[in-house]
Amino acid sequence: MGELLARMRTALRHAHRVGPESTVLSVGQLRVDLTARLVFLGQEEVHLTPLKYKLLITMGKHAGKVLAHRFLLREVWGALDSQEDHYQRVFVASLRKKVEDHPARPRYILTEQGVRYRFAAD
């Protein structure tokens, strides 16, 4: 059963990857060039740490979908204990400060109560 679940998670992860033709994620004023690894908010470049960039890309690749806490922990942080959700909250808050015009009223990284986060789709 464990192997079956692991294979299913891998298949789902591969099915949701951005294809080679999609090299730019764009929502509103936020634009991410995956090839050049650059993030722009309007015309200004946004500098992100590797972990914040990985969090943004993971959320962007699943735009419009609610992403559960455990999924984000596994995809972004890997083998961290799933009880360590404060890492996720701190990084999302910091990422919002970088990419949102008004972090208290986010347009791109939305909180879904009881589940976790959803990245806005265009």
PDB file of N, CA and C in Angstrom:
ATOM      1  N   MET A   1       0.821  -1.187   0.000  1.00  0.00           N
ATOM      2  CA  MET A   1       0.000   0.000   0.000  1.00  0.00           C
ATOM      3  C   MET A   1       0.871   1.258   0.000  1.00  0.00           C
ATOM      4  N   GLY A   2       1.932   1.249   0.790  1.00  0.00           N
ATOM      5  CA  GLY A   2       2.829   2.401   0.855  1.00  0.00           C
ATOM      6  C   GLY A   2       3.472   2.693  -0.481  1.00  0.00           C
ATOM      7  N   GLU A   3       3.904   1.648  -1.182  1.00  0.00           N
ATOM      8  CA  GLU A   3       4.522   1.829  -2.498  1.00  0.00           C
ATOM      9  C   GLU A   3       3.506   2.384  -3.502  1.00  0.00           C
ATOM     10  N   LEU A   4       2.286   1.883  -3.453  1.00  0.00           N
ATOM     11  CA  LEU A   4       1.241   2.381  -4.355  1.00  0.00           C
ATOM     12  C   LEU A   4       0.991   3.873  -4.136  1.00  0.00           C
ATOM     13  N   LEU A   5       0.895   4.282  -2.878  1.00  0.00           N
ATOM     14  CA  LEU A   5       0.689   5.700  -2.577  1.00  0.00           C
ATOM     15  C   LEU A   5       1.861   6.550  -3.049  1.00  0.00           C
ATOM     16  N   ALA A   6       3.080   6.047  -2.861  1.00  0.00           N
ATOM     17  CA  ALA A   6       4.263   6.786  -3.309  1.00  0.00           C
ATOM     18  C   ALA A   6       4.261   6.938  -4.826  1.00  0.00           C
ATOM     19  N   ARG A   7       3.897   5.890  -5.532  1.00  0.00           N
ATOM     20  CA  ARG A   7       3.839   5.962  -7.004  1.00  0.00           C
ATOM     21  C   ARG A   7       2.747   6.924  -7.475  1.00  0.00           C
ATOM     22  N   MET A   8       1.613   6.930  -6.775  1.00  0.00           N
ATOM     23  CA  MET A   8       0.529   7.839  -7.138  1.00  0.00           C
ATOM     24  C   MET A   8       0.937   9.294  -6.911  1.00  0.00           C
ATOM     25  N   ARG A   9       1.615   9.572  -5.795  1.00  0.00           N
ATOM     26  CA  ARG A   9       2.089  10.935  -5.531  1.00  0.00           C
ATOM     27  C   ARG A   9       3.073  11.380  -6.603  1.00  0.00           C
ATOM     28  N   THR A  10       3.966  10.487  -6.999  1.00  0.00           N
ATOM     29  CA  THR A  10       4.941  10.810  -8.040  1.00  0.00           C
ATOM     30  C   THR A  10       4.251  11.077  -9.369  1.00  0.00           C
ATOM     31  N   ALA A  11       3.286  10.243  -9.720  1.00  0.00           N
ATOM     32  CA  ALA A  11       2.560  10.435 -10.981  1.00  0.00           C
ATOM     33  C   ALA A  11       1.807  11.760 -10.980  1.00  0.00           C
ATOM     34  N   LEU A  12       1.186  12.114  -9.871  1.00  0.00           N
ATOM     35  CA  LEU A  12       0.462  13.385  -9.784  1.00  0.00           C
ATOM     36  C   LEU A  12       1.419  14.567  -9.852  1.00  0.00           C
ATOM     37  N   ARG A  13       2.562  14.441  -9.209  1.00  0.00           N
ATOM     38  CA  ARG A  13       3.551  15.510  -9.240  1.00  0.00           C
ATOM     39  C   ARG A  13       4.045  15.749 -10.660  1.00  0.00           C
ATOM     40  N   HIS A  14       4.296  14.681 -11.403  1.00  0.00           N
ATOM     41  CA  HIS A  14       4.760  14.807 -12.786  1.00  0.00           C
ATOM     42  C   HIS A  14       3.657  15.338 -13.698  1.00  0.00           C
ATOM     43  N   ALA A  15       2.428  14.992 -13.422  1.00  0.00           N
ATOM     44  CA  ALA A  15       1.316  15.430 -14.269  1.00  0.00           C
ATOM     45  C   ALA A  15       1.078  16.928 -14.155  1.00  0.00           C
ATOM     46  N   HIS A  16       1.428  17.533 -13.006  1.00  0.00           N
ATOM     47  CA  HIS A  16       1.165  18.952 -12.789  1.00  0.00           C
ATOM     48  C   HIS A  16       2.354  19.850 -13.104  1.00  0.00           C
ATOM     49  N   ARG A  17       3.429  19.319 -13.570  1.00  0.00           N
ATOM     50  CA  ARG A  17       4.596  20.139 -13.879  1.00  0.00           C
ATOM     51  C   ARG A  17       4.341  21.025 -15.080  1.00  0.00           C
ATOM     52  N   VAL A  18       4.987  22.172 -15.051  1.00  0.00           N
ATOM     53  CA  VAL A  18       4.870  23.095 -16.175  1.00  0.00           C
ATOM     54  C   VAL A  18       5.690  22.530 -17.324  1.00  0.00           C
ATOM     55  N   GLY A  19       5.097  22.463 -18.496  1.00  0.00           N
ATOM     56  CA  GLY A  19       5.764  21.908 -19.668  1.00  0.00           C
ATOM     57  C   GLY A  19       6.812  22.840 -20.226  1.00  0.00           C
ATOM     58  N   PRO A  20       7.638  22.365 -21.173  1.00  0.00           N
ATOM     59  CA  PRO A  20       8.709  23.175 -21.718  1.00  0.00           C
ATOM     60  C   PRO A  20       8.200  24.408 -22.468  1.00  0.00           C
ATOM     61  N   GLU A  21       6.958  24.366 -22.980  1.00  0.00           N
ATOM     62  CA  GLU A  21       6.424  25.514 -23.699  1.00  0.00           C
ATOM     63  C   GLU A  21       5.999  26.631 -22.749  1.00  0.00           C
ATOM     64  N   SER A  22       5.776  26.306 -21.484  1.00  0.00           N
ATOM     65  CA  SER A  22       5.367  27.296 -20.497  1.00  0.00           C
ATOM     66  C   SER A  22       6.580  27.735 -19.695  1.00  0.00           C
ATOM     67  N   THR A  23       7.195  28.828 -20.102  1.00  0.00           N
ATOM     68  CA  THR A  23       8.383  29.290 -19.396  1.00  0.00           C
ATOM     69  C   THR A  23       8.119  30.534 -18.567  1.00  0.00           C
ATOM     70  N   VAL A  24       6.892  31.069 -18.631  1.00  0.00           N
ATOM     71  CA  VAL A  24       6.546  32.249 -17.850  1.00  0.00           C
ATOM     72  C   VAL A  24       5.216  32.008 -17.145  1.00  0.00           C
ATOM     73  N   LEU A  25       5.223  32.210 -15.832  1.00  0.00           N
ATOM     74  CA  LEU A  25       3.990  32.197 -15.050  1.00  0.00           C
ATOM     75  C   LEU A  25       3.588  33.649 -14.876  1.00  0.00           C
ATOM     76  N   SER A  26       2.339  33.965 -15.144  1.00  0.00           N
ATOM     77  CA  SER A  26       1.912  35.349 -15.076  1.00  0.00           C
ATOM     78  C   SER A  26       0.510  35.441 -14.494  1.00  0.00           C
ATOM     79  N   VAL A  27       0.366  36.273 -13.460  1.00  0.00           N
ATOM     80  CA  VAL A  27      -0.929  36.551 -12.853  1.00  0.00           C
ATOM     81  C   VAL A  27      -0.939  38.037 -12.507  1.00  0.00           C
ATOM     82  N   GLY A  28      -1.837  38.766 -13.115  1.00  0.00           N
ATOM     83  CA  GLY A  28      -1.904  40.205 -12.853  1.00  0.00           C
ATOM     84  C   GLY A  28      -0.572  40.868 -13.158  1.00  0.00           C
ATOM     85  N   GLN A  29      -0.045  41.601 -12.202  1.00  0.00           N
ATOM     86  CA  GLN A  29       1.243  42.294 -12.345  1.00  0.00           C
ATOM     87  C   GLN A  29       2.430  41.392 -12.026  1.00  0.00           C
ATOM     88  N   LEU A  30       2.168  40.205 -11.480  1.00  0.00           N
ATOM     89  CA  LEU A  30       3.236  39.287 -11.083  1.00  0.00           C
ATOM     90  C   LEU A  30       3.613  38.388 -12.255  1.00  0.00           C
ATOM     91  N   ARG A  31       4.905  38.363 -12.570  1.00  0.00           N
ATOM     92  CA  ARG A  31       5.399  37.553 -13.682  1.00  0.00           C
ATOM     93  C   ARG A  31       6.667  36.834 -13.246  1.00  0.00           C
ATOM     94  N   VAL A  32       6.727  35.517 -13.512  1.00  0.00           N
ATOM     95  CA  VAL A  32       7.891  34.706 -13.163  1.00  0.00           C
ATOM     96  C   VAL A  32       8.428  34.072 -14.433  1.00  0.00           C
ATOM     97  N   ASP A  33       9.660  34.394 -14.765  1.00  0.00           N
ATOM     98  CA  ASP A  33      10.340  33.794 -15.916  1.00  0.00           C
ATOM     99  C   ASP A  33      11.097  32.572 -15.393  1.00  0.00           C
ATOM    100  N   LEU A  34      10.573  31.387 -15.697  1.00  0.00           N
ATOM    101  CA  LEU A  34      11.167  30.147 -15.182  1.00  0.00           C
ATOM    102  C   LEU A  34      12.526  29.847 -15.786  1.00  0.00           C
ATOM    103  N   THR A  35      12.723  30.229 -17.033  1.00  0.00           N
ATOM    104  CA  THR A  35      14.003  29.965 -17.689  1.00  0.00           C
ATOM    105  C   THR A  35      15.111  30.813 -17.086  1.00  0.00           C
ATOM    106  N   ALA A  36      14.847  32.095 -16.925  1.00  0.00           N
ATOM    107  CA  ALA A  36      15.854  33.012 -16.399  1.00  0.00           C
ATOM    108  C   ALA A  36      15.861  33.066 -14.869  1.00  0.00           C
ATOM    109  N   ARG A  37      14.836  32.445 -14.249  1.00  0.00           N
ATOM    110  CA  ARG A  37      14.675  32.455 -12.791  1.00  0.00           C
ATOM    111  C   ARG A  37      14.582  33.884 -12.250  1.00  0.00           C
ATOM    112  N   LEU A  38      13.718  34.676 -12.907  1.00  0.00           N
ATOM    113  CA  LEU A  38      13.495  36.063 -12.517  1.00  0.00           C
ATOM    114  C   LEU A  38      12.031  36.270 -12.158  1.00  0.00           C
ATOM    115  N   VAL A  39      11.802  37.116 -11.164  1.00  0.00           N
ATOM    116  CA  VAL A  39      10.445  37.437 -10.722  1.00  0.00           C
ATOM    117  C   VAL A  39      10.266  38.943 -10.851  1.00  0.00           C
ATOM    118  N   PHE A  40       9.128  39.354 -11.435  1.00  0.00           N
ATOM    119  CA  PHE A  40       8.831  40.765 -11.608  1.00  0.00           C
ATOM    120  C   PHE A  40       7.453  41.078 -11.050  1.00  0.00           C
ATOM    121  N   LEU A  41       7.348  42.212 -10.405  1.00  0.00           N
ATOM    122  CA  LEU A  41       6.075  42.759  -9.984  1.00  0.00           C
ATOM    123  C   LEU A  41       5.942  44.076 -10.728  1.00  0.00           C
ATOM    124  N   GLY A  42       5.103  44.079 -11.740  1.00  0.00           N
ATOM    125  CA  GLY A  42       5.060  45.216 -12.654  1.00  0.00           C
ATOM    126  C   GLY A  42       6.360  45.231 -13.440  1.00  0.00           C
ATOM    127  N   GLN A  43       7.069  46.341 -13.401  1.00  0.00           N
ATOM    128  CA  GLN A  43       8.351  46.456 -14.097  1.00  0.00           C
ATOM    129  C   GLN A  43       9.542  46.225 -13.177  1.00  0.00           C
ATOM    130  N   GLU A  44       9.291  46.089 -11.878  1.00  0.00           N
ATOM    131  CA  GLU A  44      10.380  45.935 -10.915  1.00  0.00           C
ATOM    132  C   GLU A  44      10.705  44.469 -10.670  1.00  0.00           C
ATOM    133  N   GLU A  45      12.001  44.175 -10.657  1.00  0.00           N
ATOM    134  CA  GLU A  45      12.447  42.816 -10.342  1.00  0.00           C
ATOM    135  C   GLU A  45      12.349  42.593  -8.839  1.00  0.00           C
ATOM    136  N   VAL A  46      11.861  41.416  -8.470  1.00  0.00           N
ATOM    137  CA  VAL A  46      11.722  41.038  -7.062  1.00  0.00           C
ATOM    138  C   VAL A  46      12.793  39.989  -6.773  1.00  0.00           C
ATOM    139  N   HIS A  47      13.621  40.253  -5.781  1.00  0.00           N
ATOM    140  CA  HIS A  47      14.680  39.314  -5.423  1.00  0.00           C
ATOM    141  C   HIS A  47      14.180  38.391  -4.315  1.00  0.00           C
ATOM    142  N   LEU A  48      14.237  37.076  -4.576  1.00  0.00           N
ATOM    143  CA  LEU A  48      13.763  36.075  -3.622  1.00  0.00           C
ATOM    144  C   LEU A  48      14.888  35.116  -3.272  1.00  0.00           C
ATOM    145  N   THR A  49      14.852  34.616  -2.045  1.00  0.00           N
ATOM    146  CA  THR A  49      15.775  33.557  -1.654  1.00  0.00           C
ATOM    147  C   THR A  49      15.375  32.290  -2.411  1.00  0.00           C
ATOM    148  N   PRO A  50      16.276  31.326  -2.527  1.00  0.00           N
ATOM    149  CA  PRO A  50      15.927  30.084  -3.234  1.00  0.00           C
ATOM    150  C   PRO A  50      14.679  29.394  -2.665  1.00  0.00           C
ATOM    151  N   LEU A  51      14.504  29.404  -1.359  1.00  0.00           N
ATOM    152  CA  LEU A  51      13.349  28.737  -0.755  1.00  0.00           C
ATOM    153  C   LEU A  51      12.051  29.490  -1.054  1.00  0.00           C
ATOM    154  N   LYS A  52      12.089  30.808  -0.999  1.00  0.00           N
ATOM    155  CA  LYS A  52      10.893  31.596  -1.326  1.00  0.00           C
ATOM    156  C   LYS A  52      10.553  31.445  -2.806  1.00  0.00           C
ATOM    157  N   TYR A  53      11.577  31.384  -3.644  1.00  0.00           N
ATOM    158  CA  TYR A  53      11.350  31.183  -5.074  1.00  0.00           C
ATOM    159  C   TYR A  53      10.687  29.817  -5.304  1.00  0.00           C
ATOM    160  N   LYS A  54      11.182  28.793  -4.641  1.00  0.00           N
ATOM    161  CA  LYS A  54      10.611  27.449  -4.787  1.00  0.00           C
ATOM    162  C   LYS A  54       9.165  27.418  -4.307  1.00  0.00           C
ATOM    163  N   LEU A  55       8.873  28.121  -3.221  1.00  0.00           N
ATOM    164  CA  LEU A  55       7.500  28.203  -2.715  1.00  0.00           C
ATOM    165  C   LEU A  55       6.608  28.899  -3.734  1.00  0.00           C
ATOM    166  N   LEU A  56       7.064  30.018  -4.283  1.00  0.00           N
ATOM    167  CA  LEU A  56       6.286  30.751  -5.278  1.00  0.00           C
ATOM    168  C   LEU A  56       6.031  29.905  -6.518  1.00  0.00           C
ATOM    169  N   ILE A  57       7.056  29.224  -7.007  1.00  0.00           N
ATOM    170  CA  ILE A  57       6.928  28.395  -8.210  1.00  0.00           C
ATOM    171  C   ILE A  57       5.980  27.222  -7.949  1.00  0.00           C
ATOM    172  N   THR A  58       6.108  26.596  -6.809  1.00  0.00           N
ATOM    173  CA  THR A  58       5.219  25.478  -6.480  1.00  0.00           C
ATOM    174  C   THR A  58       3.769  25.942  -6.459  1.00  0.00           C
ATOM    175  N   MET A  59       3.525  27.082  -5.845  1.00  0.00           N
ATOM    176  CA  MET A  59       2.154  27.605  -5.800  1.00  0.00           C
ATOM    177  C   MET A  59       1.703  28.035  -7.198  1.00  0.00           C
ATOM    178  N   GLY A  60       2.586  28.670  -7.955  1.00  0.00           N
ATOM    179  CA  GLY A  60       2.248  29.145  -9.290  1.00  0.00           C
ATOM    180  C   GLY A  60       1.934  28.027 -10.262  1.00  0.00           C
ATOM    181  N   LYS A  61       2.628  26.916 -10.142  1.00  0.00           N
ATOM    182  CA  LYS A  61       2.379  25.775 -11.026  1.00  0.00           C
ATOM    183  C   LYS A  61       1.024  25.139 -10.766  1.00  0.00           C
ATOM    184  N   HIS A  62       0.480  25.406  -9.599  1.00  0.00           N
ATOM    185  CA  HIS A  62      -0.828  24.858  -9.222  1.00  0.00           C
ATOM    186  C   HIS A  62      -1.845  25.986  -9.037  1.00  0.00           C
ATOM    187  N   ALA A  63      -1.708  27.043  -9.820  1.00  0.00           N
ATOM    188  CA  ALA A  63      -2.565  28.223  -9.686  1.00  0.00           C
ATOM    189  C   ALA A  63      -4.036  27.842  -9.765  1.00  0.00           C
ATOM    190  N   GLY A  64      -4.812  28.441  -8.879  1.00  0.00           N
ATOM    191  CA  GLY A  64      -6.249  28.190  -8.843  1.00  0.00           C
ATOM    192  C   GLY A  64      -6.649  27.019  -7.970  1.00  0.00           C
ATOM    193  N   LYS A  65      -5.684  26.204  -7.565  1.00  0.00           N
ATOM    194  CA  LYS A  65      -5.983  25.035  -6.737  1.00  0.00           C
ATOM    195  C   LYS A  65      -5.613  25.320  -5.290  1.00  0.00           C
ATOM    196  N   VAL A  66      -6.399  24.785  -4.372  1.00  0.00           N
ATOM    197  CA  VAL A  66      -6.082  24.899  -2.956  1.00  0.00           C
ATOM    198  C   VAL A  66      -4.997  23.881  -2.647  1.00  0.00           C
ATOM    199  N   LEU A  67      -3.902  24.366  -2.074  1.00  0.00           N
ATOM    200  CA  LEU A  67      -2.773  23.499  -1.751  1.00  0.00           C
ATOM    201  C   LEU A  67      -2.723  23.256  -0.250  1.00  0.00           C
ATOM    202  N   ALA A  68      -2.814  22.013   0.120  1.00  0.00           N
ATOM    203  CA  ALA A  68      -2.828  21.628   1.525  1.00  0.00           C
ATOM    204  C   ALA A  68      -1.458  21.857   2.160  1.00  0.00           C
ATOM    205  N   HIS A  69      -1.494  22.048   3.434  1.00  0.00           N
ATOM    206  CA  HIS A  69      -0.301  22.263   4.248  1.00  0.00           C
ATOM    207  C   HIS A  69       0.756  21.180   4.007  1.00  0.00           C
ATOM    208  N   ARG A  70       0.356  19.936   4.080  1.00  0.00           N
ATOM    209  CA  ARG A  70       1.306  18.816   3.935  1.00  0.00           C
ATOM    210  C   ARG A  70       1.918  18.777   2.542  1.00  0.00           C
ATOM    211  N   PHE A  71       1.123  19.094   1.508  1.00  0.00           N
ATOM    212  CA  PHE A  71       1.628  19.114   0.131  1.00  0.00           C
ATOM    213  C   PHE A  71       2.744  20.147  -0.003  1.00  0.00           C
ATOM    214  N   LEU A  72       2.502  21.361   0.488  1.00  0.00           N
ATOM    215  CA  LEU A  72       3.521  22.407   0.383  1.00  0.00           C
ATOM    216  C   LEU A  72       4.772  22.054   1.179  1.00  0.00           C
ATOM    217  N   LEU A  73       4.589  21.504   2.367  1.00  0.00           N
ATOM    218  CA  LEU A  73       5.760  21.094   3.155  1.00  0.00           C
ATOM    219  C   LEU A  73       6.596  20.068   2.401  1.00  0.00           C
ATOM    220  N   ARG A  74       5.940  19.090   1.818  1.00  0.00           N
ATOM    221  CA  ARG A  74       6.656  18.027   1.103  1.00  0.00           C
ATOM    222  C   ARG A  74       7.343  18.575  -0.141  1.00  0.00           C
ATOM    223  N   GLU A  75       6.638  19.410  -0.921  1.00  0.00           N
ATOM    224  CA  GLU A  75       7.183  19.917  -2.179  1.00  0.00           C
ATOM    225  C   GLU A  75       8.302  20.930  -1.982  1.00  0.00           C
ATOM    226  N   VAL A  76       8.156  21.786  -0.993  1.00  0.00           N
ATOM    227  CA  VAL A  76       9.118  22.875  -0.816  1.00  0.00           C
ATOM    228  C   VAL A  76      10.218  22.521   0.167  1.00  0.00           C
ATOM    229  N   TRP A  77       9.856  21.961   1.306  1.00  0.00           N
ATOM    230  CA  TRP A  77      10.837  21.678   2.336  1.00  0.00           C
ATOM    231  C   TRP A  77      11.313  20.233   2.354  1.00  0.00           C
ATOM    232  N   GLY A  78      10.636  19.361   1.657  1.00  0.00           N
ATOM    233  CA  GLY A  78      11.068  17.966   1.611  1.00  0.00           C
ATOM    234  C   GLY A  78      10.669  17.192   2.840  1.00  0.00           C
ATOM    235  N   ALA A  79      11.632  16.698   3.573  1.00  0.00           N
ATOM    236  CA  ALA A  79      11.388  15.750   4.660  1.00  0.00           C
ATOM    237  C   ALA A  79      11.139  16.406   6.011  1.00  0.00           C
ATOM    238  N   LEU A  80      10.765  17.662   6.049  1.00  0.00           N
ATOM    239  CA  LEU A  80      10.469  18.301   7.328  1.00  0.00           C
ATOM    240  C   LEU A  80       9.284  17.623   8.001  1.00  0.00           C
ATOM    241  N   ASP A  81       9.303  17.654   9.301  1.00  0.00           N
ATOM    242  CA  ASP A  81       8.177  17.127  10.071  1.00  0.00           C
ATOM    243  C   ASP A  81       6.926  17.931   9.740  1.00  0.00           C
ATOM    244  N   SER A  82       5.858  17.257   9.420  1.00  0.00           N
ATOM    245  CA  SER A  82       4.629  17.937   9.006  1.00  0.00           C
ATOM    246  C   SER A  82       4.021  18.780  10.129  1.00  0.00           C
ATOM    247  N   GLN A  83       4.491  18.614  11.347  1.00  0.00           N
ATOM    248  CA  GLN A  83       3.989  19.427  12.453  1.00  0.00           C
ATOM    249  C   GLN A  83       4.651  20.805  12.492  1.00  0.00           C
ATOM    250  N   GLU A  84       5.689  21.005  11.709  1.00  0.00           N
ATOM    251  CA  GLU A  84       6.426  22.265  11.699  1.00  0.00           C
ATOM    252  C   GLU A  84       5.786  23.268  10.750  1.00  0.00           C
ATOM    253  N   ASP A  85       4.508  23.560  10.942  1.00  0.00           N
ATOM    254  CA  ASP A  85       3.808  24.437  10.015  1.00  0.00           C
ATOM    255  C   ASP A  85       4.153  25.900  10.186  1.00  0.00           C
ATOM    256  N   HIS A  86       4.827  26.261  11.287  1.00  0.00           N
ATOM    257  CA  HIS A  86       5.196  27.663  11.453  1.00  0.00           C
ATOM    258  C   HIS A  86       6.202  28.110  10.391  1.00  0.00           C
ATOM    259  N   TYR A  87       7.039  27.185   9.876  1.00  0.00           N
ATOM    260  CA  TYR A  87       7.956  27.526   8.781  1.00  0.00           C
ATOM    261  C   TYR A  87       7.158  28.044   7.589  1.00  0.00           C
ATOM    262  N   GLN A  88       6.132  27.320   7.274  1.00  0.00           N
ATOM    263  CA  GLN A  88       5.316  27.658   6.112  1.00  0.00           C
ATOM    264  C   GLN A  88       4.654  29.022   6.298  1.00  0.00           C
ATOM    265  N   ARG A  89       4.083  29.274   7.439  1.00  0.00           N
ATOM    266  CA  ARG A  89       3.421  30.552   7.690  1.00  0.00           C
ATOM    267  C   ARG A  89       4.392  31.718   7.611  1.00  0.00           C
ATOM    268  N   VAL A  90       5.579  31.543   8.172  1.00  0.00           N
ATOM    269  CA  VAL A  90       6.590  32.602   8.146  1.00  0.00           C
ATOM    270  C   VAL A  90       7.031  32.884   6.712  1.00  0.00           C
ATOM    271  N   PHE A  91       7.293  31.840   5.944  1.00  0.00           N
ATOM    272  CA  PHE A  91       7.749  32.028   4.568  1.00  0.00           C
ATOM    273  C   PHE A  91       6.662  32.613   3.679  1.00  0.00           C
ATOM    274  N   VAL A  92       5.426  32.199   3.862  1.00  0.00           N
ATOM    275  CA  VAL A  92       4.327  32.753   3.067  1.00  0.00           C
ATOM    276  C   VAL A  92       4.148  34.230   3.409  1.00  0.00           C
ATOM    277  N   ALA A  93       4.208  34.582   4.679  1.00  0.00           N
ATOM    278  CA  ALA A  93       4.082  35.992   5.078  1.00  0.00           C
ATOM    279  C   ALA A  93       5.208  36.818   4.472  1.00  0.00           C
ATOM    280  N   SER A  94       6.417  36.297   4.497  1.00  0.00           N
ATOM    281  CA  SER A  94       7.563  37.001   3.917  1.00  0.00           C
ATOM    282  C   SER A  94       7.434  37.117   2.399  1.00  0.00           C
ATOM    283  N   LEU A  95       6.972  36.066   1.764  1.00  0.00           N
ATOM    284  CA  LEU A  95       6.772  36.085   0.313  1.00  0.00           C
ATOM    285  C   LEU A  95       5.692  37.097  -0.067  1.00  0.00           C
ATOM    286  N   ARG A  96       4.640  37.156   0.715  1.00  0.00           N
ATOM    287  CA  ARG A  96       3.580  38.142   0.464  1.00  0.00           C
ATOM    288  C   ARG A  96       4.131  39.564   0.523  1.00  0.00           C
ATOM    289  N   LYS A  97       5.027  39.839   1.474  1.00  0.00           N
ATOM    290  CA  LYS A  97       5.620  41.172   1.579  1.00  0.00           C
ATOM    291  C   LYS A  97       6.399  41.540   0.325  1.00  0.00           C
ATOM    292  N   LYS A  98       6.938  40.527  -0.342  1.00  0.00           N
ATOM    293  CA  LYS A  98       7.731  40.768  -1.549  1.00  0.00           C
ATOM    294  C   LYS A  98       6.876  40.934  -2.802  1.00  0.00           C
ATOM    295  N   VAL A  99       5.794  40.153  -2.930  1.00  0.00           N
ATOM    296  CA  VAL A  99       5.062  40.119  -4.206  1.00  0.00           C
ATOM    297  C   VAL A  99       3.679  40.765  -4.166  1.00  0.00           C
ATOM    298  N   GLU A 100       3.204  41.131  -3.003  1.00  0.00           N
ATOM    299  CA  GLU A 100       1.869  41.736  -2.891  1.00  0.00           C
ATOM    300  C   GLU A 100       1.996  43.243  -2.706  1.00  0.00           C
ATOM    301  N   ASP A 101       1.101  44.010  -3.322  1.00  0.00           N
ATOM    302  CA  ASP A 101       1.059  45.453  -3.091  1.00  0.00           C
ATOM    303  C   ASP A 101       0.636  45.747  -1.656  1.00  0.00           C
ATOM    304  N   HIS A 102      -0.341  44.995  -1.161  1.00  0.00           N
ATOM    305  CA  HIS A 102      -0.844  45.137   0.198  1.00  0.00           C
ATOM    306  C   HIS A 102      -0.888  43.740   0.820  1.00  0.00           C
ATOM    307  N   PRO A 103       0.183  43.331   1.524  1.00  0.00           N
ATOM    308  CA  PRO A 103       0.238  41.971   2.080  1.00  0.00           C
ATOM    309  C   PRO A 103      -0.936  41.598   2.982  1.00  0.00           C
ATOM    310  N   ALA A 104      -1.539  42.586   3.636  1.00  0.00           N
ATOM    311  CA  ALA A 104      -2.688  42.288   4.500  1.00  0.00           C
ATOM    312  C   ALA A 104      -3.940  41.968   3.688  1.00  0.00           C
ATOM    313  N   ARG A 105      -3.971  42.418   2.424  1.00  0.00           N
ATOM    314  CA  ARG A 105      -5.076  42.119   1.511  1.00  0.00           C
ATOM    315  C   ARG A 105      -4.483  41.502   0.236  1.00  0.00           C
ATOM    316  N   PRO A 106      -4.054  40.256   0.320  1.00  0.00           N
ATOM    317  CA  PRO A 106      -3.336  39.641  -0.804  1.00  0.00           C
ATOM    318  C   PRO A 106      -4.206  39.422  -2.041  1.00  0.00           C
ATOM    319  N   ARG A 107      -3.578  39.588  -3.212  1.00  0.00           N
ATOM    320  CA  ARG A 107      -4.225  39.319  -4.499  1.00  0.00           C
ATOM    321  C   ARG A 107      -3.767  37.989  -5.078  1.00  0.00           C
ATOM    322  N   TYR A 108      -2.538  37.596  -4.781  1.00  0.00           N
ATOM    323  CA  TYR A 108      -1.936  36.431  -5.424  1.00  0.00           C
ATOM    324  C   TYR A 108      -1.902  35.198  -4.523  1.00  0.00           C
ATOM    325  N   ILE A 109      -1.450  35.345  -3.304  1.00  0.00           N
ATOM    326  CA  ILE A 109      -1.341  34.212  -2.383  1.00  0.00           C
ATOM    327  C   ILE A 109      -2.475  34.321  -1.371  1.00  0.00           C
ATOM    328  N   LEU A 110      -3.516  33.541  -1.608  1.00  0.00           N
ATOM    329  CA  LEU A 110      -4.732  33.613  -0.808  1.00  0.00           C
ATOM    330  C   LEU A 110      -4.762  32.515   0.248  1.00  0.00           C
ATOM    331  N   THR A 111      -5.321  32.827   1.400  1.00  0.00           N
ATOM    332  CA  THR A 111      -5.447  31.837   2.472  1.00  0.00           C
ATOM    333  C   THR A 111      -6.834  31.223   2.417  1.00  0.00           C
ATOM    334  N   GLU A 112      -6.888  29.914   2.405  1.00  0.00           N
ATOM    335  CA  GLU A 112      -8.141  29.167   2.478  1.00  0.00           C
ATOM    336  C   GLU A 112      -8.210  28.578   3.882  1.00  0.00           C
ATOM    337  N   GLN A 113      -9.116  29.114   4.689  1.00  0.00           N
ATOM    338  CA  GLN A 113      -9.211  28.699   6.085  1.00  0.00           C
ATOM    339  C   GLN A 113      -9.405  27.193   6.222  1.00  0.00           C
ATOM    340  N   GLY A 114      -8.630  26.608   7.109  1.00  0.00           N
ATOM    341  CA  GLY A 114      -8.750  25.190   7.403  1.00  0.00           C
ATOM    342  C   GLY A 114      -8.011  24.277   6.442  1.00  0.00           C
ATOM    343  N   VAL A 115      -7.559  24.799   5.311  1.00  0.00           N
ATOM    344  CA  VAL A 115      -6.851  23.962   4.344  1.00  0.00           C
ATOM    345  C   VAL A 115      -5.424  24.476   4.218  1.00  0.00           C
ATOM    346  N   ARG A 116      -5.240  25.617   3.630  1.00  0.00           N
ATOM    347  CA  ARG A 116      -3.983  26.342   3.577  1.00  0.00           C
ATOM    348  C   ARG A 116      -4.031  27.429   2.537  1.00  0.00           C
ATOM    349  N   TYR A 117      -3.346  27.286   1.405  1.00  0.00           N
ATOM    350  CA  TYR A 117      -3.177  28.399   0.488  1.00  0.00           C
ATOM    351  C   TYR A 117      -3.623  28.080  -0.936  1.00  0.00           C
ATOM    352  N   ARG A 118      -3.976  29.151  -1.654  1.00  0.00           N
ATOM    353  CA  ARG A 118      -4.314  29.045  -3.070  1.00  0.00           C
ATOM    354  C   ARG A 118      -3.650  30.209  -3.765  1.00  0.00           C
ATOM    355  N   PHE A 119      -2.973  29.916  -4.865  1.00  0.00           N
ATOM    356  CA  PHE A 119      -2.364  30.957  -5.688  1.00  0.00           C
ATOM    357  C   PHE A 119      -3.403  31.371  -6.712  1.00  0.00           C
ATOM    358  N   ALA A 120      -3.663  32.657  -6.817  1.00  0.00           N
ATOM    359  CA  ALA A 120      -4.701  33.155  -7.724  1.00  0.00           C
ATOM    360  C   ALA A 120      -4.387  32.799  -9.173  1.00  0.00           C
ATOM    361  N   ALA A 121      -5.402  32.427  -9.899  1.00  0.00           N
ATOM    362  CA  ALA A 121      -5.256  32.149 -11.333  1.00  0.00           C
ATOM    363  C   ALA A 121      -5.781  33.345 -12.097  1.00  0.00           C
ATOM    364  N   ASP A 122      -5.193  33.616 -13.251  1.00  0.00           N
ATOM    365  CA  ASP A 122      -5.646  34.735 -14.094  1.00  0.00           C
ATOM    366  C   ASP A 122      -7.018  34.449 -14.642  1.00  0.00           C
TER     367      ASP A 122
END
